[in-house]
Amino acid sequence: FQGGRVTGRIPRTATLRPTVVPLEWERMGDPPTRRPVRELGNGPTDLALLASALERAARSVNAERLPALVPFPA
């Protein structure tokens, strides 16, 4: 079995400003806090971009459309 996972928003590190927050000595070593969702952007996910690219590729070679579930012969 081989599997893959494509999920999440595309990182936009080049467009995000660094976040600087004061940190108490006692909290050193704690995991970083997450940024609010509004800062992450509302662009398409990498999964949506992959699905779109696959659809365009299938159309470009005139691939025959198949039903989502193909029944197995009895």
PDB file of N, CA and C in Angstrom:
ATOM      1  N   PHE A   1       0.839  -1.181   0.000  1.00  0.00           N
ATOM      2  CA  PHE A   1       0.000   0.000   0.000  1.00  0.00           C
ATOM      3  C   PHE A   1       0.882   1.241   0.000  1.00  0.00           C
ATOM      4  N   GLN A   2       0.529   2.163  -0.870  1.00  0.00           N
ATOM      5  CA  GLN A   2       1.245   3.434  -0.895  1.00  0.00           C
ATOM      6  C   GLN A   2       0.207   4.539  -0.916  1.00  0.00           C
ATOM      7  N   GLY A   3       0.369   5.521  -0.093  1.00  0.00           N
ATOM      8  CA  GLY A   3      -0.596   6.609  -0.030  1.00  0.00           C
ATOM      9  C   GLY A   3       0.093   7.949   0.063  1.00  0.00           C
ATOM     10  N   GLY A   4      -0.660   8.973  -0.196  1.00  0.00           N
ATOM     11  CA  GLY A   4      -0.134  10.327  -0.092  1.00  0.00           C
ATOM     12  C   GLY A   4      -1.176  11.225   0.533  1.00  0.00           C
ATOM     13  N   ARG A   5      -0.755  12.370   0.949  1.00  0.00           N
ATOM     14  CA  ARG A   5      -1.674  13.314   1.567  1.00  0.00           C
ATOM     15  C   ARG A   5      -1.401  14.699   1.007  1.00  0.00           C
ATOM     16  N   VAL A   6      -2.452  15.334   0.517  1.00  0.00           N
ATOM     17  CA  VAL A   6      -2.359  16.703   0.025  1.00  0.00           C
ATOM     18  C   VAL A   6      -3.447  17.482   0.745  1.00  0.00           C
ATOM     19  N   THR A   7      -3.068  18.443   1.546  1.00  0.00           N
ATOM     20  CA  THR A   7      -4.060  19.167   2.323  1.00  0.00           C
ATOM     21  C   THR A   7      -3.508  20.506   2.795  1.00  0.00           C
ATOM     22  N   GLY A   8      -4.378  21.349   3.230  1.00  0.00           N
ATOM     23  CA  GLY A   8      -3.960  22.601   3.855  1.00  0.00           C
ATOM     24  C   GLY A   8      -3.814  23.757   2.888  1.00  0.00           C
ATOM     25  N   ARG A   9      -3.637  24.904   3.449  1.00  0.00           N
ATOM     26  CA  ARG A   9      -3.439  26.124   2.667  1.00  0.00           C
ATOM     27  C   ARG A   9      -1.998  26.212   2.196  1.00  0.00           C
ATOM     28  N   ILE A  10      -1.801  26.884   1.089  1.00  0.00           N
ATOM     29  CA  ILE A  10      -0.460  27.077   0.557  1.00  0.00           C
ATOM     30  C   ILE A  10       0.251  28.115   1.423  1.00  0.00           C
ATOM     31  N   PRO A  11       1.438  27.810   1.903  1.00  0.00           N
ATOM     32  CA  PRO A  11       2.152  28.787   2.734  1.00  0.00           C
ATOM     33  C   PRO A  11       2.456  30.061   1.950  1.00  0.00           C
ATOM     34  N   ARG A  12       2.238  31.172   2.563  1.00  0.00           N
ATOM     35  CA  ARG A  12       2.538  32.454   1.926  1.00  0.00           C
ATOM     36  C   ARG A  12       3.553  33.194   2.793  1.00  0.00           C
ATOM     37  N   THR A  13       4.642  32.521   3.076  1.00  0.00           N
ATOM     38  CA  THR A  13       5.632  33.098   3.982  1.00  0.00           C
ATOM     39  C   THR A  13       6.243  34.368   3.429  1.00  0.00           C
ATOM     40  N   ALA A  14       6.314  34.490   2.114  1.00  0.00           N
ATOM     41  CA  ALA A  14       6.932  35.675   1.532  1.00  0.00           C
ATOM     42  C   ALA A  14       6.057  36.905   1.724  1.00  0.00           C
ATOM     43  N   THR A  15       4.741  36.719   1.911  1.00  0.00           N
ATOM     44  CA  THR A  15       3.853  37.867   2.027  1.00  0.00           C
ATOM     45  C   THR A  15       3.448  38.158   3.465  1.00  0.00           C
ATOM     46  N   LEU A  16       3.779  37.257   4.393  1.00  0.00           N
ATOM     47  CA  LEU A  16       3.416  37.494   5.785  1.00  0.00           C
ATOM     48  C   LEU A  16       4.533  38.237   6.504  1.00  0.00           C
ATOM     49  N   ARG A  17       4.141  39.168   7.312  1.00  0.00           N
ATOM     50  CA  ARG A  17       5.129  39.880   8.106  1.00  0.00           C
ATOM     51  C   ARG A  17       5.488  39.035   9.318  1.00  0.00           C
ATOM     52  N   PRO A  18       6.720  39.134   9.768  1.00  0.00           N
ATOM     53  CA  PRO A  18       7.088  38.390  10.974  1.00  0.00           C
ATOM     54  C   PRO A  18       6.277  38.877  12.171  1.00  0.00           C
ATOM     55  N   THR A  19       5.989  37.974  13.060  1.00  0.00           N
ATOM     56  CA  THR A  19       5.260  38.326  14.270  1.00  0.00           C
ATOM     57  C   THR A  19       6.235  38.341  15.442  1.00  0.00           C
ATOM     58  N   VAL A  20       6.251  39.436  16.159  1.00  0.00           N
ATOM     59  CA  VAL A  20       7.122  39.562  17.325  1.00  0.00           C
ATOM     60  C   VAL A  20       6.231  39.803  18.534  1.00  0.00           C
ATOM     61  N   VAL A  21       6.378  38.947  19.543  1.00  0.00           N
ATOM     62  CA  VAL A  21       5.588  39.097  20.764  1.00  0.00           C
ATOM     63  C   VAL A  21       6.510  38.952  21.966  1.00  0.00           C
ATOM     64  N   PRO A  22       6.224  39.692  23.042  1.00  0.00           N
ATOM     65  CA  PRO A  22       7.034  39.514  24.246  1.00  0.00           C
ATOM     66  C   PRO A  22       6.766  38.128  24.829  1.00  0.00           C
ATOM     67  N   LEU A  23       7.795  37.532  25.391  1.00  0.00           N
ATOM     68  CA  LEU A  23       7.668  36.187  25.947  1.00  0.00           C
ATOM     69  C   LEU A  23       8.342  36.154  27.310  1.00  0.00           C
ATOM     70  N   GLU A  24       7.590  35.706  28.298  1.00  0.00           N
ATOM     71  CA  GLU A  24       8.141  35.594  29.652  1.00  0.00           C
ATOM     72  C   GLU A  24       9.144  34.447  29.700  1.00  0.00           C
ATOM     73  N   TRP A  25      10.143  34.578  30.550  1.00  0.00           N
ATOM     74  CA  TRP A  25      11.186  33.561  30.666  1.00  0.00           C
ATOM     75  C   TRP A  25      10.590  32.183  30.962  1.00  0.00           C
ATOM     76  N   GLU A  26       9.545  32.138  31.768  1.00  0.00           N
ATOM     77  CA  GLU A  26       8.924  30.868  32.142  1.00  0.00           C
ATOM     78  C   GLU A  26       8.305  30.149  30.942  1.00  0.00           C
ATOM     79  N   ARG A  27       7.973  30.887  29.898  1.00  0.00           N
ATOM     80  CA  ARG A  27       7.337  30.290  28.715  1.00  0.00           C
ATOM     81  C   ARG A  27       8.342  29.905  27.636  1.00  0.00           C
ATOM     82  N   MET A  28       9.618  30.163  27.857  1.00  0.00           N
ATOM     83  CA  MET A  28      10.635  29.766  26.884  1.00  0.00           C
ATOM     84  C   MET A  28      10.559  28.257  26.682  1.00  0.00           C
ATOM     85  N   GLY A  29      10.560  27.821  25.459  1.00  0.00           N
ATOM     86  CA  GLY A  29      10.466  26.398  25.159  1.00  0.00           C
ATOM     87  C   GLY A  29       9.050  25.936  24.883  1.00  0.00           C
ATOM     88  N   ASP A  30       8.035  26.771  25.172  1.00  0.00           N
ATOM     89  CA  ASP A  30       6.657  26.413  24.833  1.00  0.00           C
ATOM     90  C   ASP A  30       6.495  26.421  23.317  1.00  0.00           C
ATOM     91  N   PRO A  31       5.557  25.641  22.777  1.00  0.00           N
ATOM     92  CA  PRO A  31       5.319  25.709  21.333  1.00  0.00           C
ATOM     93  C   PRO A  31       4.828  27.102  20.945  1.00  0.00           C
ATOM     94  N   PRO A  32       5.137  27.552  19.742  1.00  0.00           N
ATOM     95  CA  PRO A  32       4.688  28.887  19.336  1.00  0.00           C
ATOM     96  C   PRO A  32       3.171  28.932  19.228  1.00  0.00           C
ATOM     97  N   THR A  33       2.617  30.107  19.490  1.00  0.00           N
ATOM     98  CA  THR A  33       1.170  30.272  19.351  1.00  0.00           C
ATOM     99  C   THR A  33       0.828  30.347  17.871  1.00  0.00           C
ATOM    100  N   ARG A  34      -0.373  29.904  17.535  1.00  0.00           N
ATOM    101  CA  ARG A  34      -0.809  29.931  16.130  1.00  0.00           C
ATOM    102  C   ARG A  34      -1.277  31.329  15.758  1.00  0.00           C
ATOM    103  N   ARG A  35      -1.062  31.674  14.500  1.00  0.00           N
ATOM    104  CA  ARG A  35      -1.569  32.951  14.007  1.00  0.00           C
ATOM    105  C   ARG A  35      -3.073  32.842  13.795  1.00  0.00           C
ATOM    106  N   PRO A  36      -3.787  33.961  13.902  1.00  0.00           N
ATOM    107  CA  PRO A  36      -5.218  33.926  13.601  1.00  0.00           C
ATOM    108  C   PRO A  36      -5.448  33.485  12.154  1.00  0.00           C
ATOM    109  N   VAL A  37      -6.586  32.836  11.911  1.00  0.00           N
ATOM    110  CA  VAL A  37      -6.895  32.316  10.575  1.00  0.00           C
ATOM    111  C   VAL A  37      -6.900  33.426   9.537  1.00  0.00           C
ATOM    112  N   ARG A  38      -7.357  34.612   9.890  1.00  0.00           N
ATOM    113  CA  ARG A  38      -7.434  35.697   8.904  1.00  0.00           C
ATOM    114  C   ARG A  38      -6.063  36.037   8.327  1.00  0.00           C
ATOM    115  N   GLU A  39      -4.989  35.761   9.067  1.00  0.00           N
ATOM    116  CA  GLU A  39      -3.647  36.051   8.566  1.00  0.00           C
ATOM    117  C   GLU A  39      -3.148  34.980   7.605  1.00  0.00           C
ATOM    118  N   LEU A  40      -3.791  33.813   7.609  1.00  0.00           N
ATOM    119  CA  LEU A  40      -3.311  32.724   6.768  1.00  0.00           C
ATOM    120  C   LEU A  40      -3.780  32.852   5.324  1.00  0.00           C
ATOM    121  N   GLY A  41      -4.755  33.672   5.066  1.00  0.00           N
ATOM    122  CA  GLY A  41      -5.232  33.848   3.701  1.00  0.00           C
ATOM    123  C   GLY A  41      -6.396  32.928   3.395  1.00  0.00           C
ATOM    124  N   ASN A  42      -7.152  33.290   2.385  1.00  0.00           N
ATOM    125  CA  ASN A  42      -8.316  32.507   1.994  1.00  0.00           C
ATOM    126  C   ASN A  42      -8.167  31.959   0.591  1.00  0.00           C
ATOM    127  N   GLY A  43      -6.952  31.820   0.125  1.00  0.00           N
ATOM    128  CA  GLY A  43      -6.713  31.304  -1.216  1.00  0.00           C
ATOM    129  C   GLY A  43      -7.060  29.830  -1.319  1.00  0.00           C
ATOM    130  N   PRO A  44      -6.927  29.274  -2.509  1.00  0.00           N
ATOM    131  CA  PRO A  44      -7.258  27.860  -2.696  1.00  0.00           C
ATOM    132  C   PRO A  44      -6.263  26.958  -1.973  1.00  0.00           C
ATOM    133  N   THR A  45      -6.725  25.783  -1.610  1.00  0.00           N
ATOM    134  CA  THR A  45      -5.832  24.816  -0.978  1.00  0.00           C
ATOM    135  C   THR A  45      -4.986  24.149  -2.049  1.00  0.00           C
ATOM    136  N   ASP A  46      -3.907  23.515  -1.644  1.00  0.00           N
ATOM    137  CA  ASP A  46      -3.085  22.799  -2.613  1.00  0.00           C
ATOM    138  C   ASP A  46      -3.853  21.621  -3.203  1.00  0.00           C
ATOM    139  N   LEU A  47      -4.796  21.041  -2.447  1.00  0.00           N
ATOM    140  CA  LEU A  47      -5.625  19.957  -2.972  1.00  0.00           C
ATOM    141  C   LEU A  47      -6.535  20.467  -4.088  1.00  0.00           C
ATOM    142  N   ALA A  48      -7.120  21.661  -3.915  1.00  0.00           N
ATOM    143  CA  ALA A  48      -7.971  22.242  -4.952  1.00  0.00           C
ATOM    144  C   ALA A  48      -7.161  22.533  -6.212  1.00  0.00           C
ATOM    145  N   LEU A  49      -5.938  23.037  -6.060  1.00  0.00           N
ATOM    146  CA  LEU A  49      -5.090  23.300  -7.223  1.00  0.00           C
ATOM    147  C   LEU A  49      -4.701  22.005  -7.929  1.00  0.00           C
ATOM    148  N   LEU A  50      -4.428  20.950  -7.168  1.00  0.00           N
ATOM    149  CA  LEU A  50      -4.097  19.655  -7.761  1.00  0.00           C
ATOM    150  C   LEU A  50      -5.287  19.098  -8.534  1.00  0.00           C
ATOM    151  N   ALA A  51      -6.479  19.153  -7.953  1.00  0.00           N
ATOM    152  CA  ALA A  51      -7.679  18.658  -8.634  1.00  0.00           C
ATOM    153  C   ALA A  51      -7.933  19.440  -9.915  1.00  0.00           C
ATOM    154  N   SER A  52      -7.753  20.739  -9.875  1.00  0.00           N
ATOM    155  CA  SER A  52      -7.944  21.577 -11.058  1.00  0.00           C
ATOM    156  C   SER A  52      -6.942  21.216 -12.152  1.00  0.00           C
ATOM    157  N   ALA A  53      -5.693  20.999 -11.781  1.00  0.00           N
ATOM    158  CA  ALA A  53      -4.670  20.620 -12.763  1.00  0.00           C
ATOM    159  C   ALA A  53      -4.990  19.265 -13.386  1.00  0.00           C
ATOM    160  N   LEU A  54      -5.482  18.324 -12.592  1.00  0.00           N
ATOM    161  CA  LEU A  54      -5.852  17.007 -13.124  1.00  0.00           C
ATOM    162  C   LEU A  54      -7.027  17.109 -14.093  1.00  0.00           C
ATOM    163  N   GLU A  55      -8.009  17.941 -13.763  1.00  0.00           N
ATOM    164  CA  GLU A  55      -9.148  18.138 -14.668  1.00  0.00           C
ATOM    165  C   GLU A  55      -8.693  18.740 -15.994  1.00  0.00           C
ATOM    166  N   ARG A  56      -7.824  19.748 -15.941  1.00  0.00           N
ATOM    167  CA  ARG A  56      -7.326  20.365 -17.180  1.00  0.00           C
ATOM    168  C   ARG A  56      -6.538  19.365 -18.013  1.00  0.00           C
ATOM    169  N   ALA A  57      -5.722  18.557 -17.354  1.00  0.00           N
ATOM    170  CA  ALA A  57      -4.934  17.554 -18.078  1.00  0.00           C
ATOM    171  C   ALA A  57      -5.848  16.535 -18.744  1.00  0.00           C
ATOM    172  N   ALA A  58      -6.878  16.092 -18.049  1.00  0.00           N
ATOM    173  CA  ALA A  58      -7.812  15.114 -18.628  1.00  0.00           C
ATOM    174  C   ALA A  58      -8.544  15.711 -19.825  1.00  0.00           C
ATOM    175  N   ARG A  59      -8.937  16.981 -19.731  1.00  0.00           N
ATOM    176  CA  ARG A  59      -9.618  17.627 -20.864  1.00  0.00           C
ATOM    177  C   ARG A  59      -8.685  17.796 -22.058  1.00  0.00           C
ATOM    178  N   SER A  60      -7.413  18.046 -21.796  1.00  0.00           N
ATOM    179  CA  SER A  60      -6.475  18.302 -22.892  1.00  0.00           C
ATOM    180  C   SER A  60      -6.203  17.056 -23.730  1.00  0.00           C
ATOM    181  N   VAL A  61      -6.413  15.873 -23.177  1.00  0.00           N
ATOM    182  CA  VAL A  61      -6.201  14.633 -23.942  1.00  0.00           C
ATOM    183  C   VAL A  61      -7.526  13.960 -24.283  1.00  0.00           C
ATOM    184  N   ASN A  62      -8.636  14.665 -24.080  1.00  0.00           N
ATOM    185  CA  ASN A  62      -9.974  14.140 -24.356  1.00  0.00           C
ATOM    186  C   ASN A  62     -10.203  12.798 -23.673  1.00  0.00           C
ATOM    187  N   ALA A  63      -9.839  12.708 -22.408  1.00  0.00           N
ATOM    188  CA  ALA A  63     -10.029  11.471 -21.649  1.00  0.00           C
ATOM    189  C   ALA A  63     -11.514  11.188 -21.485  1.00  0.00           C
ATOM    190  N   GLU A  64     -11.868   9.912 -21.585  1.00  0.00           N
ATOM    191  CA  GLU A  64     -13.261   9.506 -21.435  1.00  0.00           C
ATOM    192  C   GLU A  64     -13.664   9.646 -19.970  1.00  0.00           C
ATOM    193  N   ARG A  65     -14.828  10.225 -19.758  1.00  0.00           N
ATOM    194  CA  ARG A  65     -15.313  10.412 -18.387  1.00  0.00           C
ATOM    195  C   ARG A  65     -15.882   9.092 -17.881  1.00  0.00           C
ATOM    196  N   LEU A  66     -15.455   8.672 -16.702  1.00  0.00           N
ATOM    197  CA  LEU A  66     -15.921   7.428 -16.101  1.00  0.00           C
ATOM    198  C   LEU A  66     -16.764   7.730 -14.874  1.00  0.00           C
ATOM    199  N   PRO A  67     -17.698   6.819 -14.549  1.00  0.00           N
ATOM    200  CA  PRO A  67     -18.462   7.030 -13.318  1.00  0.00           C
ATOM    201  C   PRO A  67     -17.535   6.962 -12.106  1.00  0.00           C
ATOM    202  N   ALA A  68     -17.949   7.606 -11.038  1.00  0.00           N
ATOM    203  CA  ALA A  68     -17.114   7.651  -9.836  1.00  0.00           C
ATOM    204  C   ALA A  68     -16.848   6.254  -9.289  1.00  0.00           C
ATOM    205  N   LEU A  69     -17.850   5.386  -9.278  1.00  0.00           N
ATOM    206  CA  LEU A  69     -17.687   4.023  -8.780  1.00  0.00           C
ATOM    207  C   LEU A  69     -17.987   3.044  -9.903  1.00  0.00           C
ATOM    208  N   VAL A  70     -17.009   2.305 -10.314  1.00  0.00           N
ATOM    209  CA  VAL A  70     -17.188   1.311 -11.369  1.00  0.00           C
ATOM    210  C   VAL A  70     -17.491  -0.024 -10.693  1.00  0.00           C
ATOM    211  N   PRO A  71     -18.654  -0.644 -10.993  1.00  0.00           N
ATOM    212  CA  PRO A  71     -18.974  -1.913 -10.346  1.00  0.00           C
ATOM    213  C   PRO A  71     -18.036  -3.022 -10.811  1.00  0.00           C
ATOM    214  N   PHE A  72     -17.652  -3.879  -9.884  1.00  0.00           N
ATOM    215  CA  PHE A  72     -16.821  -5.032 -10.215  1.00  0.00           C
ATOM    216  C   PHE A  72     -17.692  -6.132 -10.809  1.00  0.00           C
ATOM    217  N   PRO A  73     -17.146  -6.891 -11.764  1.00  0.00           N
ATOM    218  CA  PRO A  73     -17.929  -8.006 -12.295  1.00  0.00           C
ATOM    219  C   PRO A  73     -18.175  -9.045 -11.196  1.00  0.00           C
ATOM    220  N   ALA A  74     -19.343  -9.679 -11.278  1.00  0.00           N
ATOM    221  CA  ALA A  74     -19.712 -10.676 -10.247  1.00  0.00           C
ATOM    222  C   ALA A  74     -18.938 -11.961 -10.392  1.00  0.00           C
TER     223      ALA A  74
END
